[in-house]
Amino acid sequence: MTAERTDLGPLERLLAEQDEPQLDPQQFKRVFRRHPAGVAVVALRHAGRPVGFTATSVISVSAAPPLLAFSLASTSSSWPAVSAAPTLAVSFLADHQDDVSARFATSGLDRFAAGGWSSLPTGEPVIDGAVSWVRARVVQRTPVGDSYLVSLRALDAGGPDDAEPGDGASPLVYHDRTYHRIGAHTAL
């Protein structure tokens, strides 16, 4: 968001009215490096080709109705596709898929060329071997700061043989710029 904007939304107006010190971007990033996050790949079809990116911002919003959300920078190369997508899939990566996460986080390459993914019957790509996936309809794209909060309604879900949570691989976690595995040995 630039200072020249005159079409400020309610959040931007509120922030502009509040004259108080705030964290600079580096301080803010330092705080969130200390907060572990699950790793997912968000994927969709746009103009006939698969588009996807790594996200550590996926959150559960509501169980009834089933809603989830993620944030995406407005400058992301994936934003044009997400801004037009009616549906997409979120694959929650397994602890052995750090290479998949790194590939989908890298700009300038065909993230799907190495394989390791399949299309759902409805067309959305999902990552093979993920702990689970959710197919969702985009219900809202809300500009927030220099990003968008994308809200989704969960339509379908699955995973390896539709195993129950706790069966099979554990989730991939990102903490302090490093991937981590969690499992029974880390339980308190």
Protein backbone atom coordinates (compact mmCIF):
# COMPACT_ATOMS: atom_id res chain seq x y z
CA MET A 1 0.00 0.00 0.00
CA THR A 2 1.39 3.37 -0.89
CA ALA A 3 0.96 6.68 0.90
CA GLU A 4 -0.70 8.18 -2.21
CA ARG A 5 -3.76 5.92 -1.99
CA THR A 6 -6.99 7.75 -1.42
CA ASP A 7 -9.25 4.68 -1.45
CA LEU A 8 -8.19 3.43 1.96
CA GLY A 9 -10.23 0.55 3.33
CA PRO A 10 -11.47 0.49 6.92
CA LEU A 11 -8.33 -1.26 8.23
CA GLU A 12 -5.96 1.13 6.47
CA ARG A 13 -7.97 4.13 7.76
CA LEU A 14 -7.85 2.78 11.30
CA LEU A 15 -4.10 2.18 11.12
CA ALA A 16 -3.50 5.65 9.67
CA GLU A 17 -5.52 7.22 12.50
CA GLN A 18 -3.50 5.45 15.18
CA ASP A 19 -0.30 7.36 15.72
CA GLU A 20 1.82 4.94 17.74
CA PRO A 21 5.14 3.15 17.40
CA GLN A 22 5.05 -0.21 15.66
CA LEU A 23 7.40 -3.05 14.89
CA ASP A 24 9.52 -2.68 11.80
CA PRO A 25 9.35 -5.55 9.27
CA GLN A 26 12.54 -7.20 10.55
CA GLN A 27 11.35 -7.17 14.17
CA PHE A 28 8.01 -8.61 13.10
CA LYS A 29 9.68 -11.41 11.09
CA ARG A 30 11.94 -12.21 14.05
CA VAL A 31 8.89 -12.77 16.28
CA PHE A 32 7.27 -15.15 13.80
CA ARG A 33 10.47 -17.11 13.18
CA ARG A 34 10.09 -18.27 16.78
CA HIS A 35 6.52 -19.45 16.14
CA PRO A 36 6.35 -22.91 14.53
CA ALA A 37 3.98 -23.39 11.62
CA GLY A 38 2.69 -26.31 9.64
CA VAL A 39 3.74 -26.39 5.99
CA ALA A 40 1.28 -26.68 3.13
CA VAL A 41 1.24 -26.33 -0.63
CA VAL A 42 -1.68 -24.38 -2.06
CA ALA A 43 -2.39 -25.42 -5.66
CA LEU A 44 -4.92 -24.67 -8.37
CA ARG A 45 -5.42 -24.61 -12.10
CA HIS A 46 -5.14 -21.31 -13.98
CA ALA A 47 -5.29 -20.89 -17.74
CA GLY A 48 -5.04 -24.67 -18.11
CA ARG A 49 -1.86 -25.13 -16.10
CA PRO A 50 -1.13 -25.96 -12.46
CA VAL A 51 -0.05 -23.14 -10.15
CA GLY A 52 1.15 -23.66 -6.59
CA PHE A 53 3.16 -22.23 -3.72
CA THR A 54 4.30 -23.08 -0.21
CA ALA A 55 2.27 -21.57 2.63
CA THR A 56 2.90 -21.59 6.36
CA SER A 57 -0.02 -19.26 7.00
CA VAL A 58 -2.88 -21.78 6.62
CA ILE A 59 -5.28 -21.59 9.56
CA SER A 60 -8.49 -23.25 10.63
CA VAL A 61 -11.18 -20.60 11.01
CA SER A 62 -14.42 -22.46 11.76
CA ALA A 63 -15.64 -26.06 11.94
CA ALA A 64 -19.29 -25.19 11.28
CA PRO A 65 -19.28 -24.06 8.55
CA PRO A 66 -15.90 -25.60 7.64
CA LEU A 67 -13.70 -22.58 6.87
CA LEU A 68 -9.96 -22.12 6.55
CA ALA A 69 -7.75 -19.29 5.31
CA PHE A 70 -4.24 -18.39 4.23
CA SER A 71 -2.42 -15.18 3.41
CA LEU A 72 -0.56 -14.39 0.21
CA ALA A 73 1.50 -11.32 -0.67
CA SER A 74 -0.03 -9.16 -3.37
CA THR A 75 3.38 -9.23 -5.09
CA SER A 76 3.46 -13.05 -5.28
CA SER A 77 3.73 -14.51 -8.77
CA SER A 78 0.83 -16.77 -7.76
CA TRP A 79 -1.53 -13.94 -6.82
CA PRO A 80 -3.00 -13.40 -10.32
CA ALA A 81 -4.04 -17.08 -10.42
CA VAL A 82 -5.39 -17.07 -6.84
CA SER A 83 -7.28 -13.82 -7.50
CA ALA A 84 -9.26 -15.57 -10.26
CA ALA A 85 -9.57 -19.10 -8.84
CA PRO A 86 -13.01 -20.39 -7.87
CA THR A 87 -11.51 -23.47 -6.12
CA LEU A 88 -8.12 -24.74 -5.01
CA ALA A 89 -6.50 -27.47 -2.94
CA VAL A 90 -4.36 -27.22 0.18
CA SER A 91 -1.97 -30.15 0.72
CA PHE A 92 -0.58 -30.42 4.26
CA LEU A 93 2.95 -31.73 3.79
CA ALA A 94 4.40 -34.78 5.54
CA ASP A 95 7.64 -34.63 7.50
CA HIS A 96 9.66 -36.15 4.62
CA GLN A 97 8.52 -33.51 2.10
CA ASP A 98 10.90 -30.65 2.94
CA ASP A 99 12.20 -30.84 -0.65
CA VAL A 100 8.65 -30.34 -1.95
CA SER A 101 8.19 -27.33 0.31
CA ALA A 102 11.48 -25.82 -0.88
CA ARG A 103 10.56 -26.39 -4.54
CA PHE A 104 7.15 -24.72 -4.19
CA ALA A 105 8.76 -21.81 -2.32
CA THR A 106 11.29 -21.16 -5.11
CA SER A 107 10.49 -18.54 -7.73
CA GLY A 108 11.34 -18.86 -11.39
CA LEU A 109 10.94 -22.59 -11.92
CA ASP A 110 8.19 -24.98 -12.97
CA ARG A 111 7.24 -26.23 -9.53
CA PHE A 112 5.24 -29.12 -10.99
CA ALA A 113 7.88 -30.42 -13.45
CA ALA A 114 9.47 -32.83 -10.95
CA GLY A 115 6.16 -34.68 -10.48
CA GLY A 116 4.96 -35.96 -7.14
CA TRP A 117 1.45 -34.62 -7.56
CA SER A 118 -1.92 -35.72 -8.91
CA SER A 119 -5.07 -33.97 -10.06
CA LEU A 120 -8.32 -34.45 -8.22
CA PRO A 121 -11.27 -35.42 -10.45
CA THR A 122 -12.29 -31.74 -10.25
CA GLY A 123 -8.85 -30.64 -11.56
CA GLU A 124 -7.10 -29.19 -8.52
CA PRO A 125 -3.54 -30.49 -7.98
CA VAL A 126 -2.71 -32.24 -4.70
CA ILE A 127 0.71 -33.32 -3.48
CA ASP A 128 1.23 -37.10 -3.42
CA GLY A 129 2.10 -38.44 0.02
CA ALA A 130 0.84 -35.36 1.89
CA VAL A 131 -0.52 -35.97 5.38
CA SER A 132 -3.88 -34.70 4.14
CA TRP A 133 -5.45 -32.33 1.65
CA VAL A 134 -8.51 -30.11 1.51
CA ARG A 135 -10.33 -29.06 -1.65
CA ALA A 136 -11.96 -25.70 -1.07
CA ARG A 137 -14.00 -22.94 -2.68
CA VAL A 138 -12.64 -19.40 -2.39
CA VAL A 139 -15.29 -17.36 -0.55
CA GLN A 140 -13.42 -14.11 0.06
CA ARG A 141 -10.18 -12.33 -0.82
CA THR A 142 -9.58 -9.56 1.69
CA PRO A 143 -6.77 -7.04 1.18
CA VAL A 144 -4.84 -6.68 4.44
CA GLY A 145 -1.68 -4.57 4.41
CA ASP A 146 0.45 -5.66 1.45
CA SER A 147 -1.18 -9.11 1.35
CA TYR A 148 -4.52 -10.80 0.87
CA LEU A 149 -6.30 -13.01 3.37
CA VAL A 150 -7.95 -15.72 1.28
CA SER A 151 -10.91 -17.38 3.01
CA LEU A 152 -12.04 -20.83 1.89
CA ARG A 153 -14.97 -23.19 2.44
CA ALA A 154 -13.80 -26.81 2.71
CA LEU A 155 -15.62 -29.02 0.20
CA ASP A 156 -13.70 -32.29 0.34
CA ALA A 157 -10.69 -33.78 2.12
CA GLY A 158 -8.47 -36.80 1.92
CA GLY A 159 -5.05 -38.23 2.41
CA PRO A 160 -3.11 -41.45 1.94
CA ASP A 161 -5.85 -44.09 1.87
CA ASP A 162 -7.93 -41.58 3.88
CA ALA A 163 -6.05 -42.67 7.01
CA GLU A 164 -7.15 -41.32 10.35
CA PRO A 165 -5.04 -38.52 11.86
CA GLY A 166 -2.11 -40.02 13.74
CA ASP A 167 -1.69 -42.83 11.23
CA GLY A 168 1.37 -42.76 8.99
CA ALA A 169 3.61 -39.75 8.46
CA SER A 170 3.71 -36.78 10.78
CA PRO A 171 3.38 -33.20 9.53
CA LEU A 172 6.24 -31.03 8.34
CA VAL A 173 6.83 -28.01 10.59
CA TYR A 174 8.79 -24.84 9.88
CA HIS A 175 10.46 -23.05 12.79
CA ASP A 176 13.29 -20.50 12.87
CA ARG A 177 14.08 -20.97 9.15
CA THR A 178 14.43 -24.74 9.56
CA TYR A 179 12.18 -27.73 8.85
CA HIS A 180 11.30 -30.00 11.77
CA ARG A 181 9.63 -33.34 12.27
CA ILE A 182 7.23 -33.92 15.11
CA GLY A 183 5.98 -37.20 16.40
CA ALA A 184 5.32 -39.29 19.48
CA HIS A 185 8.86 -38.57 20.74
CA THR A 186 8.03 -34.83 20.97
CA ALA A 187 4.74 -35.22 22.87
CA LEU A 188 4.57 -33.83 26.40
